[in-house]
N, C-alpha and C. Protein backbone atom coordinates (compact mmCIF):
# COMPACT_ATOMS: atom_id res chain seq x y z
N UNK A 1 80.60 148.39 256.93
CA UNK A 1 80.64 147.03 256.85
C UNK A 1 80.33 146.19 256.14
N UNK A 2 79.03 146.72 255.26
CA UNK A 2 78.95 146.32 253.51
C UNK A 2 80.12 146.60 252.80
N UNK A 3 80.86 147.80 252.72
CA UNK A 3 81.69 148.21 251.93
C UNK A 3 82.92 146.78 252.18
N UNK A 4 83.38 146.88 253.75
CA UNK A 4 84.47 145.46 253.48
C UNK A 4 84.31 144.45 253.27
N UNK A 5 82.25 143.85 253.45
CA UNK A 5 82.84 142.63 252.58
C UNK A 5 82.31 142.88 251.47
N UNK A 6 82.32 144.05 250.58
CA UNK A 6 81.89 143.30 248.89
C UNK A 6 83.91 143.64 249.06
N UNK A 7 84.27 144.59 249.24
CA UNK A 7 86.01 144.56 249.17
C UNK A 7 86.64 142.99 249.47
N UNK A 8 86.26 142.50 250.32
CA UNK A 8 86.73 140.98 250.55
C UNK A 8 86.44 139.83 249.73
N UNK A 9 85.17 140.19 248.97
CA UNK A 9 84.38 139.26 248.07
C UNK A 9 85.22 139.49 246.18
N UNK A 10 86.06 140.91 246.24
CA UNK A 10 86.15 141.40 244.83
C UNK A 10 87.88 140.45 245.61
N UNK A 11 88.28 140.71 246.59
CA UNK A 11 89.81 140.07 246.44
C UNK A 11 90.14 138.69 246.32
N UNK A 12 88.73 138.19 247.19
CA UNK A 12 88.74 136.85 246.89
C UNK A 12 88.45 136.25 245.50
N UNK A 13 87.65 136.68 244.53
CA UNK A 13 87.55 136.73 243.32
C UNK A 13 88.35 136.80 242.13
N UNK A 14 89.48 137.64 242.51
CA UNK A 14 90.94 137.79 241.99
C UNK A 14 91.50 137.06 242.20
N UNK A 15 91.88 136.76 243.42
CA UNK A 15 92.83 135.53 243.46
C UNK A 15 92.28 134.09 243.42
N UNK A 16 91.01 133.94 243.25
CA UNK A 16 90.42 132.53 242.69
C UNK A 16 91.01 132.43 241.19
N UNK A 17 91.10 133.76 240.80
CA UNK A 17 91.33 133.53 239.28
C UNK A 17 90.02 133.84 238.12
N UNK A 18 90.01 135.05 238.00
CA UNK A 18 89.12 135.70 237.28
C UNK A 18 90.07 136.20 235.88
N UNK A 19 89.78 136.09 235.39
CA UNK A 19 90.08 136.55 233.71
C UNK A 19 89.87 137.47 233.07
N UNK A 20 91.22 138.09 232.83
CA UNK A 20 90.69 139.78 231.98
C UNK A 20 90.24 139.69 230.71
N UNK A 21 89.88 141.09 230.29
CA UNK A 21 89.13 140.81 228.80
C UNK A 21 90.91 140.38 227.70
N UNK A 22 91.50 141.29 228.09
CA UNK A 22 92.69 141.48 227.85
C UNK A 22 93.39 139.68 227.59
N UNK A 23 93.67 139.09 228.65
CA UNK A 23 93.74 137.88 228.86
C UNK A 23 92.99 136.40 228.33
N UNK A 24 91.48 137.09 228.01
CA UNK A 24 91.16 136.26 227.46
C UNK A 24 91.25 136.60 225.73
N UNK A 25 91.27 137.72 225.80
CA UNK A 25 91.13 137.79 223.93
C UNK A 25 93.11 137.16 223.57
N UNK A 26 94.23 137.08 224.24
CA UNK A 26 95.11 136.72 224.29
C UNK A 26 94.88 135.07 224.24
N UNK A 27 94.09 134.66 224.97
CA UNK A 27 94.52 133.12 224.81
C UNK A 27 93.73 132.33 223.51
N UNK A 28 92.29 133.21 223.30
CA UNK A 28 91.21 132.91 222.18
C UNK A 28 92.66 133.13 220.68
N UNK A 29 93.62 134.00 221.06
CA UNK A 29 94.23 134.48 219.76
C UNK A 29 95.36 133.21 219.64
N UNK A 30 96.03 133.02 220.74
CA UNK A 30 96.66 131.98 220.96
C UNK A 30 96.25 130.45 220.61
N UNK A 31 94.96 130.30 221.07
CA UNK A 31 94.06 129.39 220.32
C UNK A 31 94.32 129.33 218.75
N UNK A 32 93.35 130.41 217.95
CA UNK A 32 93.08 130.00 217.20
C UNK A 32 94.35 129.95 216.31
N UNK A 33 95.67 131.22 216.85
CA UNK A 33 96.98 130.26 215.61
C UNK A 33 97.32 129.37 216.07
N UNK A 34 96.90 128.05 216.77
CA UNK A 34 97.42 126.76 216.94
C UNK A 34 96.20 126.18 216.09
N UNK A 35 95.49 126.24 216.10
CA UNK A 35 94.38 125.72 215.07
C UNK A 35 94.71 125.52 213.86
N UNK A 36 95.11 126.81 213.66
CA UNK A 36 95.44 127.48 211.99
C UNK A 36 96.64 126.96 211.61
N UNK A 37 97.71 126.72 212.41
CA UNK A 37 99.07 126.10 212.43
C UNK A 37 99.09 124.65 212.06
N UNK A 38 97.95 123.92 212.77
CA UNK A 38 97.95 122.39 212.77
C UNK A 38 97.22 122.45 211.33
N UNK A 39 95.89 123.42 211.04
CA UNK A 39 95.63 122.64 209.96
C UNK A 39 96.35 122.90 208.65
N UNK A 40 97.41 123.62 208.77
CA UNK A 40 98.27 124.35 207.60
C UNK A 40 99.08 123.50 207.61
N UNK A 41 99.27 122.69 208.57
CA UNK A 41 99.93 121.75 208.84
C UNK A 41 99.32 120.30 207.87
N UNK A 42 98.08 119.74 208.36
CA UNK A 42 97.52 118.87 207.07
C UNK A 42 97.75 118.90 206.23
N UNK A 43 97.82 120.14 205.47
CA UNK A 43 97.29 120.99 204.57
C UNK A 43 98.71 120.16 203.31
N UNK A 44 99.69 120.60 204.29
CA UNK A 44 101.34 120.56 204.17
C UNK A 44 100.96 119.13 203.71
N UNK A 45 100.76 118.44 204.74
CA UNK A 45 101.06 117.13 204.59
C UNK A 45 100.11 116.03 203.93
N UNK A 46 98.92 116.68 203.26
CA UNK A 46 98.31 116.20 202.45
C UNK A 46 98.50 115.98 200.82
N UNK A 47 99.66 117.06 200.79
CA UNK A 47 100.56 117.50 199.53
C UNK A 47 101.48 116.17 199.09
N UNK A 48 102.23 115.97 200.19
CA UNK A 48 103.24 114.99 199.96
C UNK A 48 102.94 113.54 200.56
N UNK A 49 101.27 113.29 200.48
CA UNK A 49 101.02 112.11 200.77
C UNK A 49 100.18 111.62 199.93
N UNK A 50 99.86 110.09 199.48
CA UNK A 50 98.95 109.30 198.91
C UNK A 50 98.31 108.31 200.07
N UNK A 51 96.77 108.54 200.04
CA UNK A 51 96.33 107.91 201.16
C UNK A 51 95.27 106.85 200.61
N UNK A 52 95.67 105.99 201.17
CA UNK A 52 94.91 104.23 200.69
C UNK A 52 93.49 104.25 201.35
N UNK A 53 92.42 103.56 201.18
CA UNK A 53 91.27 102.98 202.18
C UNK A 53 91.37 101.60 201.70
N UNK A 54 90.91 100.98 202.81
CA UNK A 54 90.76 99.02 202.39
C UNK A 54 91.22 98.67 203.76
N UNK A 55 91.71 97.32 203.52
CA UNK A 55 91.87 96.45 204.55
C UNK A 55 93.55 96.57 203.96
N UNK A 56 94.48 97.76 204.77
CA UNK A 56 95.97 97.92 204.43
C UNK A 56 97.00 97.97 205.67
N UNK A 57 97.84 97.94 205.53
CA UNK A 57 99.15 97.82 206.41
C UNK A 57 99.31 99.84 206.55
N UNK A 58 99.61 100.00 205.97
CA UNK A 58 100.02 101.66 205.24
C UNK A 58 99.18 102.68 204.67
N UNK A 59 98.04 103.33 205.33
CA UNK A 59 96.89 103.93 205.03
C UNK A 59 97.47 105.29 204.49
N UNK A 60 98.99 105.50 204.45
CA UNK A 60 99.61 106.85 204.19
C UNK A 60 100.86 106.25 203.49
N UNK A 61 100.51 106.85 202.29
CA UNK A 61 101.80 106.25 201.35
C UNK A 61 102.97 107.63 201.48
N UNK A 62 104.46 107.74 201.29
CA UNK A 62 104.95 109.20 201.15
C UNK A 62 104.37 109.25 199.52
N UNK A 63 104.62 110.51 199.18
CA UNK A 63 104.18 111.05 197.55
C UNK A 63 105.84 110.96 197.04
N UNK A 64 106.14 110.32 195.96
CA UNK A 64 107.44 110.84 195.56
C UNK A 64 106.79 110.83 193.81
N UNK A 65 107.90 111.40 193.26
CA UNK A 65 108.06 112.25 191.88
C UNK A 65 107.90 110.11 191.37
N UNK A 66 107.00 110.26 190.40
CA UNK A 66 106.90 109.05 189.06
C UNK A 66 106.37 107.97 190.21
N UNK A 67 106.28 108.04 191.23
CA UNK A 67 104.87 106.90 192.00
C UNK A 67 103.85 106.46 191.20
N UNK A 68 103.88 104.88 190.68
CA UNK A 68 102.32 104.64 190.26
C UNK A 68 101.50 104.05 191.15
N UNK A 69 100.47 103.60 190.44
CA UNK A 69 99.35 102.94 191.22
C UNK A 69 99.73 101.65 191.33
N UNK A 70 100.41 101.11 190.76
CA UNK A 70 100.93 99.69 191.31
C UNK A 70 101.99 100.25 192.85
N UNK A 71 102.64 100.77 192.50
CA UNK A 71 104.02 100.80 193.68
C UNK A 71 103.30 101.18 194.89
N UNK A 72 101.79 102.57 194.41
CA UNK A 72 101.22 102.49 195.87
C UNK A 72 100.90 101.43 196.59
N UNK A 73 99.66 100.51 195.34
CA UNK A 73 99.05 99.57 196.24
C UNK A 73 100.26 98.55 196.40
N UNK A 74 101.13 98.04 196.23
CA UNK A 74 101.90 97.27 196.67
C UNK A 74 102.33 98.11 198.41
N UNK A 75 103.24 99.29 198.51
CA UNK A 75 103.72 100.23 199.55
C UNK A 75 102.21 100.20 200.70
N UNK A 76 100.64 100.08 200.16
CA UNK A 76 100.11 100.30 200.97
C UNK A 76 100.18 99.10 201.64
N UNK A 77 100.28 97.42 201.52
CA UNK A 77 99.85 96.24 201.91
C UNK A 77 98.65 95.96 201.89
N UNK A 78 98.36 95.27 200.95
CA UNK A 78 96.94 94.40 201.03
C UNK A 78 97.03 93.34 202.04
N UNK A 79 95.80 93.52 203.14
CA UNK A 79 95.70 92.88 203.73
C UNK A 79 94.45 91.54 203.84
N UNK A 80 93.62 91.65 203.14
CA UNK A 80 92.23 91.60 202.61
C UNK A 80 92.71 89.64 202.49
N UNK A 81 91.54 88.93 202.54
CA UNK A 81 91.82 87.26 202.74
C UNK A 81 91.65 86.90 201.13
N UNK A 82 91.16 88.10 199.90
CA UNK A 82 91.24 87.79 198.68
C UNK A 82 91.52 88.96 198.16
N UNK A 83 92.15 88.92 196.72
CA UNK A 83 92.80 90.16 196.44
C UNK A 83 91.79 91.25 196.10
N UNK A 84 91.79 92.32 195.94
CA UNK A 84 91.15 93.41 195.77
C UNK A 84 90.36 93.10 193.83
N UNK A 85 89.40 93.65 193.79
CA UNK A 85 89.13 93.53 192.37
C UNK A 85 89.35 94.75 191.71
N UNK A 86 88.92 96.06 192.52
CA UNK A 86 89.65 97.16 191.18
C UNK A 86 89.56 98.24 193.20
N UNK A 87 89.76 98.88 192.07
CA UNK A 87 90.41 100.41 192.80
C UNK A 87 89.95 101.65 192.34
N UNK A 88 89.34 102.56 193.03
CA UNK A 88 89.06 104.10 193.06
C UNK A 88 90.28 104.59 192.85
N UNK A 89 90.20 105.92 192.14
CA UNK A 89 91.51 106.83 192.31
C UNK A 89 90.74 107.68 192.35
N UNK A 90 90.78 109.16 193.65
CA UNK A 90 90.20 110.23 193.45
C UNK A 90 90.93 111.02 193.75
N UNK A 91 90.91 112.26 192.78
CA UNK A 91 91.95 113.34 192.44
C UNK A 91 90.95 114.54 192.04
N UNK A 92 91.50 114.89 193.18
CA UNK A 92 90.47 116.71 193.00
C UNK A 92 89.16 116.84 192.73
N UNK A 93 88.92 115.47 193.41
CA UNK A 93 87.03 115.49 193.35
C UNK A 93 86.76 114.37 192.76
N UNK A 94 87.72 114.29 191.43
CA UNK A 94 87.11 113.83 190.36
C UNK A 94 87.52 111.76 190.57
N UNK A 95 86.80 110.78 190.55
CA UNK A 95 86.77 109.49 190.86
C UNK A 95 86.78 108.41 189.25
N UNK A 96 88.10 107.89 189.36
CA UNK A 96 88.12 106.74 188.47
C UNK A 96 88.54 105.22 188.71
N UNK A 97 87.35 104.94 188.55
CA UNK A 97 87.72 103.32 188.55
C UNK A 97 88.68 102.62 187.41
N UNK A 98 89.65 101.66 188.14
CA UNK A 98 90.61 101.11 187.82
C UNK A 98 90.42 99.63 188.09
N UNK A 99 90.26 98.63 187.42
CA UNK A 99 89.78 97.19 187.47
C UNK A 99 91.06 96.88 187.78
N UNK A 100 91.65 95.55 188.37
CA UNK A 100 92.77 95.20 189.09
C UNK A 100 93.31 93.86 187.67
N UNK A 101 92.01 93.68 186.81
CA UNK A 101 93.08 93.13 185.75
C UNK A 101 93.70 93.60 184.95
N UNK A 102 93.15 94.67 184.59
CA UNK A 102 93.65 95.47 184.00
C UNK A 102 95.30 96.39 183.75
N UNK A 103 95.10 96.22 185.26
CA UNK A 103 96.80 96.62 185.81
C UNK A 103 97.11 95.31 185.83
N UNK A 104 96.88 94.38 185.94
CA UNK A 104 97.88 93.37 186.23
C UNK A 104 98.49 93.11 184.77
N UNK A 105 97.42 93.28 184.20
CA UNK A 105 98.12 93.15 182.90
C UNK A 105 99.39 94.69 182.23
N UNK A 106 99.02 95.13 182.98
CA UNK A 106 100.56 96.49 182.84
C UNK A 106 99.41 97.79 182.28
N UNK A 107 98.67 97.93 182.41
CA UNK A 107 97.41 98.71 181.37
C UNK A 107 96.97 99.48 182.55
N UNK A 108 96.46 100.77 182.66
CA UNK A 108 96.43 101.64 183.48
C UNK A 108 97.17 101.91 184.63
N UNK A 109 98.35 101.76 184.33
CA UNK A 109 99.34 101.89 185.72
C UNK A 109 100.06 103.22 186.07
N UNK A 110 98.87 104.51 185.81
CA UNK A 110 99.74 105.97 185.47
C UNK A 110 100.12 106.14 186.78
N UNK A 111 100.54 107.41 186.66
CA UNK A 111 101.23 108.18 188.10
C UNK A 111 100.74 109.05 188.74
N UNK A 112 101.04 108.45 189.94
CA UNK A 112 100.14 109.46 191.01
C UNK A 112 100.29 111.32 191.60
N UNK A 113 99.25 111.53 191.40
CA UNK A 113 99.67 112.92 192.26
C UNK A 113 99.71 112.96 193.57
N UNK A 114 100.46 113.85 194.61
CA UNK A 114 100.49 113.95 196.13
C UNK A 114 98.63 114.31 196.31
N UNK A 115 98.38 113.68 197.46
CA UNK A 115 96.98 114.36 197.73
C UNK A 115 95.82 113.41 196.64
N UNK A 116 96.51 112.29 195.54
CA UNK A 116 95.22 111.55 195.57
C UNK A 116 94.89 110.46 196.59
N UNK A 117 94.13 109.58 196.52
CA UNK A 117 93.01 108.91 197.31
C UNK A 117 92.90 108.19 196.54
N UNK A 118 93.24 106.87 196.87
CA UNK A 118 92.40 105.14 196.66
C UNK A 118 91.71 104.39 197.63
N UNK A 119 91.38 103.67 197.04
CA UNK A 119 90.38 103.07 197.61
C UNK A 119 89.86 101.56 197.30
N UNK A 120 90.62 100.31 197.79
CA UNK A 120 90.79 98.89 197.25
C UNK A 120 89.48 98.08 198.09
N UNK A 121 89.04 98.04 196.47
CA UNK A 121 87.53 97.26 196.88
C UNK A 121 87.25 95.74 196.50
N UNK A 122 87.01 95.28 196.96
CA UNK A 122 86.48 93.80 196.92
C UNK A 122 85.46 93.55 196.18
């Protein structure tokens, strides 16, 4: 009787959805590959974009060869009530401040690289 009850419990557990070790490993491997693929896609996207922080319409600008700081600021579409006073350009962990006055005079309008981040400050 006890053996029959144990067998019935095992059968119910199997039908309810127990996961085998091989199935769990396959699911874990599938999740790992999906996460790795998503991370690679984000890294690939960062290599083709310029990112803009601040009150802007477009926080990501597609990078193209010859894209200048002024071009990226215009493409971002500033939405603040007052004009920004300076821009912080971050490239590979190094940040360079650029005053808007000098940029408007045509100075400091250098080419950006893919993955650069701009922060428009008031």
